[in-house]
Amino acid sequence: MSPTARKPRVRQYDAKKTRAAVTAQFAGVRRAVTGLAPDQLALPTRLGDWTVRELVAHIGRGVDAVQRFAELPEPPKPEATALDWPFVTAVNAGALADAGRELAERHPDLDAYLAAIEERFTALLAEHPDTRLLATNAGPMSLADYLVTRTVELVVHTDDLNAAVPGLDVPHDRQALAIATRLLADALAVRAPGGSVEVRVPPFAVVQCVEGPKHTRGTPPNVVETDPLTWLRLATGRTSWADELAAAHVSASGERADIGGVLPLMS
């Protein structure tokens, strides 16, 4: 079964809150990057051979993608939702890596680069309604849905930045973290449909997944629980199921509770 063959109920996101979440998370990254020294920008990251400078360039490109898609002709109808997006990211991974390096070379002044993106993004949000359709790499989807995907990019890459630069602690906007957690929890339910395992990521998400006897009452026999950032790291391949179990960052009870075989969901 393909990831898009069977979907759980499509979660509805508050478009106003999503706009605010993307704006707040990007502003937090920009403030943090402004204070980084050249030697910090040259540090390696956990993303292959990317430096911090290249990661920052990629973060900017991810937000600016909204502008790029808005400049294309508007599709006639939506054919995708935010829930389709996690399953197509790997297709463009090589091109994205090359683009990040090229942007880092072309924009030595990262603060000016991010400021220009922030200005374009703010103007775009003022100009276009949430229903505006964009021809995204996952298919035609609404601006509101595409902004949901931008929260995942921003939240995950903020965590990448914090991991790469000692002492850096860029905060995660609570609403952005909630949206990202919920989208990737729902993606798990698509990847491993069923009702035998309950995955809890308090305080933001609970989903049922994995084929087998469906739980209906009382305490589920198969339960996985973890915190939002650990969940996002697992879902995006930043860490492994075995490592997080060993570190007690994940609890898993029941014979069907090992979901390591379906992770990561995207990379």
C-alpha atoms as a PDB file:
ATOM      1  CA  MET A   1       0.000   0.000   0.000  1.00  0.00           C
ATOM      2  CA  SER A   2       1.418   3.369  -0.988  1.00  0.00           C
ATOM      3  CA  PRO A   3       1.550   6.131   1.655  1.00  0.00           C
ATOM      4  CA  THR A   4      -1.215   8.027  -0.131  1.00  0.00           C
ATOM      5  CA  ALA A   5      -3.488   5.028  -0.704  1.00  0.00           C
ATOM      6  CA  ARG A   6      -5.137   5.216   2.674  1.00  0.00           C
ATOM      7  CA  LYS A   7      -5.359   8.313   4.804  1.00  0.00           C
ATOM      8  CA  PRO A   8      -6.721   8.911   8.258  1.00  0.00           C
ATOM      9  CA  ARG A   9      -9.127  11.761   8.805  1.00  0.00           C
ATOM     10  CA  VAL A  10      -7.385  14.877   7.513  1.00  0.00           C
ATOM     11  CA  ARG A  11      -6.632  17.107  10.459  1.00  0.00           C
ATOM     12  CA  GLN A  12      -7.796  20.690  10.226  1.00  0.00           C
ATOM     13  CA  TYR A  13      -5.359  23.418  11.231  1.00  0.00           C
ATOM     14  CA  ASP A  14      -6.238  26.953  12.245  1.00  0.00           C
ATOM     15  CA  ALA A  15      -4.821  28.948   9.332  1.00  0.00           C
ATOM     16  CA  LYS A  16      -4.354  32.102  11.392  1.00  0.00           C
ATOM     17  CA  LYS A  17      -2.341  30.201  13.995  1.00  0.00           C
ATOM     18  CA  THR A  18      -0.274  28.503  11.296  1.00  0.00           C
ATOM     19  CA  ARG A  19       0.624  31.845   9.730  1.00  0.00           C
ATOM     20  CA  ALA A  20       1.651  33.171  13.138  1.00  0.00           C
ATOM     21  CA  ALA A  21       3.661  30.031  13.904  1.00  0.00           C
ATOM     22  CA  VAL A  22       5.702  30.173  10.691  1.00  0.00           C
ATOM     23  CA  THR A  23       6.320  33.880  11.158  1.00  0.00           C
ATOM     24  CA  ALA A  24       7.418  33.478  14.786  1.00  0.00           C
ATOM     25  CA  GLN A  25       9.708  30.497  14.172  1.00  0.00           C
ATOM     26  CA  PHE A  26      11.433  32.122  11.217  1.00  0.00           C
ATOM     27  CA  ALA A  27      11.920  35.342  13.180  1.00  0.00           C
ATOM     28  CA  GLY A  28      13.521  33.343  15.991  1.00  0.00           C
ATOM     29  CA  VAL A  29      15.972  31.712  13.596  1.00  0.00           C
ATOM     30  CA  ARG A  30      16.840  35.064  12.038  1.00  0.00           C
ATOM     31  CA  ARG A  31      17.566  36.631  15.437  1.00  0.00           C
ATOM     32  CA  ALA A  32      19.832  33.733  16.407  1.00  0.00           C
ATOM     33  CA  VAL A  33      21.744  33.693  13.129  1.00  0.00           C
ATOM     34  CA  THR A  34      22.478  37.421  13.321  1.00  0.00           C
ATOM     35  CA  GLY A  35      24.699  36.779  16.341  1.00  0.00           C
ATOM     36  CA  LEU A  36      26.705  33.861  14.923  1.00  0.00           C
ATOM     37  CA  ALA A  37      30.413  34.354  14.305  1.00  0.00           C
ATOM     38  CA  PRO A  38      32.152  33.133  11.112  1.00  0.00           C
ATOM     39  CA  ASP A  39      33.672  30.147  12.926  1.00  0.00           C
ATOM     40  CA  GLN A  40      30.212  29.141  14.168  1.00  0.00           C
ATOM     41  CA  LEU A  41      28.761  29.393  10.680  1.00  0.00           C
ATOM     42  CA  ALA A  42      31.539  27.101   9.468  1.00  0.00           C
ATOM     43  CA  LEU A  43      30.666  24.350  11.964  1.00  0.00           C
ATOM     44  CA  PRO A  44      29.448  20.994  10.612  1.00  0.00           C
ATOM     45  CA  THR A  45      25.854  19.872  11.089  1.00  0.00           C
ATOM     46  CA  ARG A  46      24.219  16.458  11.378  1.00  0.00           C
ATOM     47  CA  LEU A  47      22.964  16.877   7.802  1.00  0.00           C
ATOM     48  CA  GLY A  48      25.683  15.182   5.815  1.00  0.00           C
ATOM     49  CA  ASP A  49      28.384  17.636   4.786  1.00  0.00           C
ATOM     50  CA  TRP A  50      26.329  20.796   5.300  1.00  0.00           C
ATOM     51  CA  THR A  51      27.819  23.574   7.378  1.00  0.00           C
ATOM     52  CA  VAL A  52      25.729  25.821   9.612  1.00  0.00           C
ATOM     53  CA  ARG A  53      25.941  28.513   6.930  1.00  0.00           C
ATOM     54  CA  GLU A  54      24.487  26.139   4.337  1.00  0.00           C
ATOM     55  CA  LEU A  55      21.789  25.008   6.750  1.00  0.00           C
ATOM     56  CA  VAL A  56      20.758  28.612   7.369  1.00  0.00           C
ATOM     57  CA  ALA A  57      20.626  29.248   3.620  1.00  0.00           C
ATOM     58  CA  HIS A  58      18.395  26.194   3.247  1.00  0.00           C
ATOM     59  CA  ILE A  59      16.080  27.387   6.027  1.00  0.00           C
ATOM     60  CA  GLY A  60      15.627  30.660   4.196  1.00  0.00           C
ATOM     61  CA  ARG A  61      14.967  28.852   0.939  1.00  0.00           C
ATOM     62  CA  GLY A  62      12.288  26.743   2.607  1.00  0.00           C
ATOM     63  CA  VAL A  63      10.322  29.803   3.654  1.00  0.00           C
ATOM     64  CA  ASP A  64      10.953  31.549   0.340  1.00  0.00           C
ATOM     65  CA  ALA A  65       9.456  28.528  -1.449  1.00  0.00           C
ATOM     66  CA  VAL A  66       6.055  30.007  -0.626  1.00  0.00           C
ATOM     67  CA  GLN A  67       6.937  33.059  -2.708  1.00  0.00           C
ATOM     68  CA  ARG A  68       8.365  30.969  -5.562  1.00  0.00           C
ATOM     69  CA  PHE A  69       5.230  28.851  -5.818  1.00  0.00           C
ATOM     70  CA  ALA A  70       2.969  31.897  -5.532  1.00  0.00           C
ATOM     71  CA  GLU A  71       4.672  33.381  -8.596  1.00  0.00           C
ATOM     72  CA  LEU A  72       3.615  30.393 -10.710  1.00  0.00           C
ATOM     73  CA  PRO A  73       0.193  30.191 -12.376  1.00  0.00           C
ATOM     74  CA  GLU A  74      -2.458  29.146  -9.864  1.00  0.00           C
ATOM     75  CA  PRO A  75      -3.551  25.516 -10.351  1.00  0.00           C
ATOM     76  CA  PRO A  76      -7.230  24.953 -11.187  1.00  0.00           C
ATOM     77  CA  LYS A  77      -7.941  22.767  -8.168  1.00  0.00           C
ATOM     78  CA  PRO A  78      -6.233  21.274  -5.097  1.00  0.00           C
ATOM     79  CA  GLU A  79      -4.891  17.746  -5.491  1.00  0.00           C
ATOM     80  CA  ALA A  80      -2.809  17.397  -2.329  1.00  0.00           C
ATOM     81  CA  THR A  81      -2.860  18.288   1.353  1.00  0.00           C
ATOM     82  CA  ALA A  82      -0.099  18.872   3.881  1.00  0.00           C
ATOM     83  CA  LEU A  83      -0.262  15.171   4.728  1.00  0.00           C
ATOM     84  CA  ASP A  84       1.042  14.243   1.273  1.00  0.00           C
ATOM     85  CA  TRP A  85       4.169  16.356   1.660  1.00  0.00           C
ATOM     86  CA  PRO A  86       6.284  14.217   4.063  1.00  0.00           C
ATOM     87  CA  PHE A  87       6.322  11.353   1.577  1.00  0.00           C
ATOM     88  CA  VAL A  88       7.797  13.325  -1.336  1.00  0.00           C
ATOM     89  CA  THR A  89      10.646  15.133   0.425  1.00  0.00           C
ATOM     90  CA  ALA A  90      13.245  12.441  -0.277  1.00  0.00           C
ATOM     91  CA  VAL A  91      12.703  12.798  -4.034  1.00  0.00           C
ATOM     92  CA  ASN A  92      14.216  16.288  -4.051  1.00  0.00           C
ATOM     93  CA  ALA A  93      16.874  15.762  -1.368  1.00  0.00           C
ATOM     94  CA  GLY A  94      19.860  15.939  -3.729  1.00  0.00           C
ATOM     95  CA  ALA A  95      18.671  19.079  -5.482  1.00  0.00           C
ATOM     96  CA  LEU A  96      17.919  20.761  -2.161  1.00  0.00           C
ATOM     97  CA  ALA A  97      21.426  20.044  -0.891  1.00  0.00           C
ATOM     98  CA  ASP A  98      22.983  21.588  -3.997  1.00  0.00           C
ATOM     99  CA  ALA A  99      20.687  24.605  -3.753  1.00  0.00           C
ATOM    100  CA  GLY A 100      21.626  25.171  -0.117  1.00  0.00           C
ATOM    101  CA  ARG A 101      25.328  25.257  -0.939  1.00  0.00           C
ATOM    102  CA  GLU A 102      24.805  27.564  -3.908  1.00  0.00           C
ATOM    103  CA  LEU A 103      22.690  29.972  -1.872  1.00  0.00           C
ATOM    104  CA  ALA A 104      25.256  30.070   0.936  1.00  0.00           C
ATOM    105  CA  GLU A 105      27.929  31.087  -1.568  1.00  0.00           C
ATOM    106  CA  ARG A 106      25.698  33.662  -3.257  1.00  0.00           C
ATOM    107  CA  HIS A 107      24.563  35.303  -0.019  1.00  0.00           C
ATOM    108  CA  PRO A 108      27.536  35.883   2.292  1.00  0.00           C
ATOM    109  CA  ASP A 109      25.447  38.338   4.335  1.00  0.00           C
ATOM    110  CA  LEU A 110      22.970  35.898   5.838  1.00  0.00           C
ATOM    111  CA  ASP A 111      21.143  38.534   7.857  1.00  0.00           C
ATOM    112  CA  ALA A 112      20.374  40.547   4.728  1.00  0.00           C
ATOM    113  CA  TYR A 113      19.356  37.353   2.929  1.00  0.00           C
ATOM    114  CA  LEU A 114      16.924  36.332   5.683  1.00  0.00           C
ATOM    115  CA  ALA A 115      15.607  39.882   6.089  1.00  0.00           C
ATOM    116  CA  ALA A 116      14.684  40.026   2.405  1.00  0.00           C
ATOM    117  CA  ILE A 117      12.901  36.680   2.660  1.00  0.00           C
ATOM    118  CA  GLU A 118      11.039  37.809   5.764  1.00  0.00           C
ATOM    119  CA  GLU A 119       9.912  40.974   3.955  1.00  0.00           C
ATOM    120  CA  ARG A 120       8.671  39.014   0.922  1.00  0.00           C
ATOM    121  CA  PHE A 121       6.914  36.479   3.123  1.00  0.00           C
ATOM    122  CA  THR A 122       5.125  39.145   5.159  1.00  0.00           C
ATOM    123  CA  ALA A 123       3.936  40.864   1.978  1.00  0.00           C
ATOM    124  CA  LEU A 124       2.757  37.561   0.504  1.00  0.00           C
ATOM    125  CA  LEU A 125       0.670  36.739   3.583  1.00  0.00           C
ATOM    126  CA  ALA A 126      -0.969  40.155   3.363  1.00  0.00           C
ATOM    127  CA  GLU A 127      -1.729  39.690  -0.336  1.00  0.00           C
ATOM    128  CA  HIS A 128      -3.010  36.116  -0.579  1.00  0.00           C
ATOM    129  CA  PRO A 129      -5.894  34.328   1.174  1.00  0.00           C
ATOM    130  CA  ASP A 130      -5.443  30.931   2.802  1.00  0.00           C
ATOM    131  CA  THR A 131      -7.349  29.345  -0.084  1.00  0.00           C
ATOM    132  CA  ARG A 132      -4.820  30.514  -2.707  1.00  0.00           C
ATOM    133  CA  LEU A 133      -3.597  27.408  -4.535  1.00  0.00           C
ATOM    134  CA  LEU A 134       0.119  26.750  -4.997  1.00  0.00           C
ATOM    135  CA  ALA A 135       1.772  24.354  -7.444  1.00  0.00           C
ATOM    136  CA  THR A 136       4.020  22.718  -4.827  1.00  0.00           C
ATOM    137  CA  ASN A 137       6.379  19.774  -5.240  1.00  0.00           C
ATOM    138  CA  ALA A 138       3.765  17.583  -3.520  1.00  0.00           C
ATOM    139  CA  GLY A 139       1.010  18.700  -5.887  1.00  0.00           C
ATOM    140  CA  PRO A 140      -1.395  21.622  -5.991  1.00  0.00           C
ATOM    141  CA  MET A 141      -2.388  22.575  -2.455  1.00  0.00           C
ATOM    142  CA  SER A 142      -3.743  25.555  -0.609  1.00  0.00           C
ATOM    143  CA  LEU A 143      -1.505  28.190   0.902  1.00  0.00           C
ATOM    144  CA  ALA A 144      -2.878  27.200   4.319  1.00  0.00           C
ATOM    145  CA  ASP A 145      -1.787  23.586   3.837  1.00  0.00           C
ATOM    146  CA  TYR A 146       1.610  24.514   2.456  1.00  0.00           C
ATOM    147  CA  LEU A 147       2.288  26.722   5.467  1.00  0.00           C
ATOM    148  CA  VAL A 148       1.700  23.655   7.658  1.00  0.00           C
ATOM    149  CA  THR A 149       4.612  21.975   5.864  1.00  0.00           C
ATOM    150  CA  ARG A 150       6.773  25.056   6.453  1.00  0.00           C
ATOM    151  CA  THR A 151       6.344  24.625  10.201  1.00  0.00           C
ATOM    152  CA  VAL A 152       7.892  21.154   9.977  1.00  0.00           C
ATOM    153  CA  GLU A 153      10.850  22.498   7.999  1.00  0.00           C
ATOM    154  CA  LEU A 154      11.399  25.338  10.442  1.00  0.00           C
ATOM    155  CA  VAL A 155      10.958  23.356  13.655  1.00  0.00           C
ATOM    156  CA  VAL A 156      13.175  20.463  12.555  1.00  0.00           C
ATOM    157  CA  HIS A 157      15.907  22.718  11.189  1.00  0.00           C
ATOM    158  CA  THR A 158      15.814  24.885  14.305  1.00  0.00           C
ATOM    159  CA  ASP A 159      16.626  21.718  16.227  1.00  0.00           C
ATOM    160  CA  ASP A 160      19.429  21.005  13.720  1.00  0.00           C
ATOM    161  CA  LEU A 161      20.867  24.459  14.368  1.00  0.00           C
ATOM    162  CA  ASN A 162      20.748  24.023  18.126  1.00  0.00           C
ATOM    163  CA  ALA A 163      22.492  20.652  17.796  1.00  0.00           C
ATOM    164  CA  ALA A 164      25.245  22.091  15.591  1.00  0.00           C
ATOM    165  CA  VAL A 165      26.179  25.221  17.532  1.00  0.00           C
ATOM    166  CA  PRO A 166      27.249  24.745  21.164  1.00  0.00           C
ATOM    167  CA  GLY A 167      25.323  27.047  23.470  1.00  0.00           C
ATOM    168  CA  LEU A 168      22.781  28.047  20.845  1.00  0.00           C
ATOM    169  CA  ASP A 169      19.239  27.660  22.103  1.00  0.00           C
ATOM    170  CA  VAL A 170      16.819  28.950  19.508  1.00  0.00           C
ATOM    171  CA  PRO A 171      13.372  28.533  21.090  1.00  0.00           C
ATOM    172  CA  HIS A 172      10.618  26.586  19.404  1.00  0.00           C
ATOM    173  CA  ASP A 173       7.385  28.485  19.002  1.00  0.00           C
ATOM    174  CA  ARG A 174       4.806  26.368  20.845  1.00  0.00           C
ATOM    175  CA  GLN A 175       2.244  26.492  18.043  1.00  0.00           C
ATOM    176  CA  ALA A 176       4.848  25.630  15.418  1.00  0.00           C
ATOM    177  CA  LEU A 177       6.030  22.678  17.488  1.00  0.00           C
ATOM    178  CA  ALA A 178       2.438  21.497  17.921  1.00  0.00           C
ATOM    179  CA  ILE A 179       1.671  21.679  14.202  1.00  0.00           C
ATOM    180  CA  ALA A 180       4.867  19.862  13.210  1.00  0.00           C
ATOM    181  CA  THR A 181       4.298  17.137  15.797  1.00  0.00           C
ATOM    182  CA  ARG A 182       0.723  16.541  14.663  1.00  0.00           C
ATOM    183  CA  LEU A 183       1.526  16.420  10.962  1.00  0.00           C
ATOM    184  CA  LEU A 184       4.245  13.805  11.413  1.00  0.00           C
ATOM    185  CA  ALA A 185       2.115  11.813  13.850  1.00  0.00           C
ATOM    186  CA  ASP A 186      -0.613  11.701  11.219  1.00  0.00           C
ATOM    187  CA  ALA A 187       2.006  10.688   8.643  1.00  0.00           C
ATOM    188  CA  LEU A 188       2.842   7.688  10.841  1.00  0.00           C
ATOM    189  CA  ALA A 189      -0.812   6.648  10.747  1.00  0.00           C
ATOM    190  CA  VAL A 190      -0.620   6.799   6.936  1.00  0.00           C
ATOM    191  CA  ARG A 191       2.643   4.847   6.745  1.00  0.00           C
ATOM    192  CA  ALA A 192       1.470   2.137   9.175  1.00  0.00           C
ATOM    193  CA  PRO A 193      -2.341   2.146   9.089  1.00  0.00           C
ATOM    194  CA  GLY A 194      -4.225   0.258  11.784  1.00  0.00           C
ATOM    195  CA  GLY A 195      -5.425   0.523  15.319  1.00  0.00           C
ATOM    196  CA  SER A 196      -3.362  -1.853  17.419  1.00  0.00           C
ATOM    197  CA  VAL A 197      -0.784   0.664  18.681  1.00  0.00           C
ATOM    198  CA  GLU A 198      -1.417   4.017  20.287  1.00  0.00           C
ATOM    199  CA  VAL A 199       1.372   6.571  19.830  1.00  0.00           C
ATOM    200  CA  ARG A 200       1.284   9.461  22.270  1.00  0.00           C
ATOM    201  CA  VAL A 201       3.304  12.648  21.915  1.00  0.00           C
ATOM    202  CA  PRO A 202       2.015  14.776  24.762  1.00  0.00           C
ATOM    203  CA  PRO A 203       0.753  17.398  24.871  1.00  0.00           C
ATOM    204  CA  PHE A 204       0.163  17.629  21.127  1.00  0.00           C
ATOM    205  CA  ALA A 205      -0.777  14.349  19.457  1.00  0.00           C
ATOM    206  CA  VAL A 206      -2.222  10.864  19.861  1.00  0.00           C
ATOM    207  CA  VAL A 207      -2.643   8.529  16.875  1.00  0.00           C
ATOM    208  CA  GLN A 208      -3.548   4.897  16.276  1.00  0.00           C
ATOM    209  CA  CYS A 209      -1.410   2.858  13.890  1.00  0.00           C
ATOM    210  CA  VAL A 210      -0.132  -0.648  12.945  1.00  0.00           C
ATOM    211  CA  GLU A 211      -2.360  -3.444  11.696  1.00  0.00           C
ATOM    212  CA  GLY A 212      -3.759  -5.849  14.264  1.00  0.00           C
ATOM    213  CA  PRO A 213      -6.499  -6.037  16.869  1.00  0.00           C
ATOM    214  CA  LYS A 214      -8.012  -2.602  17.331  1.00  0.00           C
ATOM    215  CA  HIS A 215      -8.140  -1.152  20.821  1.00  0.00           C
ATOM    216  CA  THR A 216     -11.587   0.151  21.827  1.00  0.00           C
ATOM    217  CA  ARG A 217     -11.739   0.513  25.627  1.00  0.00           C
ATOM    218  CA  GLY A 218      -9.513   0.926  28.657  1.00  0.00           C
ATOM    219  CA  THR A 219      -5.732   1.054  28.591  1.00  0.00           C
ATOM    220  CA  PRO A 220      -4.351   0.128  25.157  1.00  0.00           C
ATOM    221  CA  PRO A 221      -2.195  -3.031  25.171  1.00  0.00           C
ATOM    222  CA  ASN A 222       0.411  -1.426  22.879  1.00  0.00           C
ATOM    223  CA  VAL A 223       1.537   2.090  23.709  1.00  0.00           C
ATOM    224  CA  VAL A 224       4.419   4.264  22.524  1.00  0.00           C
ATOM    225  CA  GLU A 225       5.071   7.586  24.220  1.00  0.00           C
ATOM    226  CA  THR A 226       7.717  10.246  23.713  1.00  0.00           C
ATOM    227  CA  ASP A 227       8.204  14.016  23.775  1.00  0.00           C
ATOM    228  CA  PRO A 228       7.711  16.261  20.715  1.00  0.00           C
ATOM    229  CA  LEU A 229      11.357  16.892  19.826  1.00  0.00           C
ATOM    230  CA  THR A 230      12.317  13.238  20.188  1.00  0.00           C
ATOM    231  CA  TRP A 231       9.363  12.339  17.987  1.00  0.00           C
ATOM    232  CA  LEU A 232      10.409  14.822  15.306  1.00  0.00           C
ATOM    233  CA  ARG A 233      13.981  13.514  15.396  1.00  0.00           C
ATOM    234  CA  LEU A 234      12.731   9.943  14.989  1.00  0.00           C
ATOM    235  CA  ALA A 235      10.300  10.843  12.231  1.00  0.00           C
ATOM    236  CA  THR A 236      12.962  12.702  10.223  1.00  0.00           C
ATOM    237  CA  GLY A 237      15.850  10.289  10.763  1.00  0.00           C
ATOM    238  CA  ARG A 238      17.900  12.529  13.046  1.00  0.00           C
ATOM    239  CA  THR A 239      18.093   9.723  15.570  1.00  0.00           C
ATOM    240  CA  SER A 240      17.224   6.038  15.761  1.00  0.00           C
ATOM    241  CA  TRP A 241      14.506   4.100  17.525  1.00  0.00           C
ATOM    242  CA  ALA A 242      17.050   1.889  19.276  1.00  0.00           C
ATOM    243  CA  ASP A 243      19.088   4.826  20.552  1.00  0.00           C
ATOM    244  CA  GLU A 244      16.075   6.685  21.917  1.00  0.00           C
ATOM    245  CA  LEU A 245      14.754   3.549  23.616  1.00  0.00           C
ATOM    246  CA  ALA A 246      18.152   2.997  25.214  1.00  0.00           C
ATOM    247  CA  ALA A 247      18.250   6.607  26.387  1.00  0.00           C
ATOM    248  CA  ALA A 248      14.744   6.249  27.863  1.00  0.00           C
ATOM    249  CA  HIS A 249      13.466   9.073  25.674  1.00  0.00           C
ATOM    250  CA  VAL A 250      10.835   6.678  24.330  1.00  0.00           C
ATOM    251  CA  SER A 251       8.675   4.237  26.250  1.00  0.00           C
ATOM    252  CA  ALA A 252       7.147   1.301  24.372  1.00  0.00           C
ATOM    253  CA  SER A 253       4.925  -1.337  25.933  1.00  0.00           C
ATOM    254  CA  GLY A 254       3.231  -4.284  24.250  1.00  0.00           C
ATOM    255  CA  GLU A 255       4.319  -6.856  21.687  1.00  0.00           C
ATOM    256  CA  ARG A 256       3.360  -4.635  18.741  1.00  0.00           C
ATOM    257  CA  ALA A 257       4.834  -1.399  20.117  1.00  0.00           C
ATOM    258  CA  ASP A 258       8.130  -1.560  18.206  1.00  0.00           C
ATOM    259  CA  ILE A 259       7.534   0.960  15.421  1.00  0.00           C
ATOM    260  CA  GLY A 260      11.209   1.331  14.552  1.00  0.00           C
ATOM    261  CA  GLY A 261      10.668  -0.530  11.301  1.00  0.00           C
ATOM    262  CA  VAL A 262       8.500   2.231   9.828  1.00  0.00           C
ATOM    263  CA  LEU A 263      10.801   5.086  10.848  1.00  0.00           C
ATOM    264  CA  PRO A 264      11.954   7.520   9.645  1.00  0.00           C
ATOM    265  CA  LEU A 265       8.956   8.876   7.804  1.00  0.00           C
ATOM    266  CA  MET A 266      10.980  11.472   5.906  1.00  0.00           C
ATOM    267  CA  SER A 267      14.577  12.610   5.650  1.00  0.00           C
END
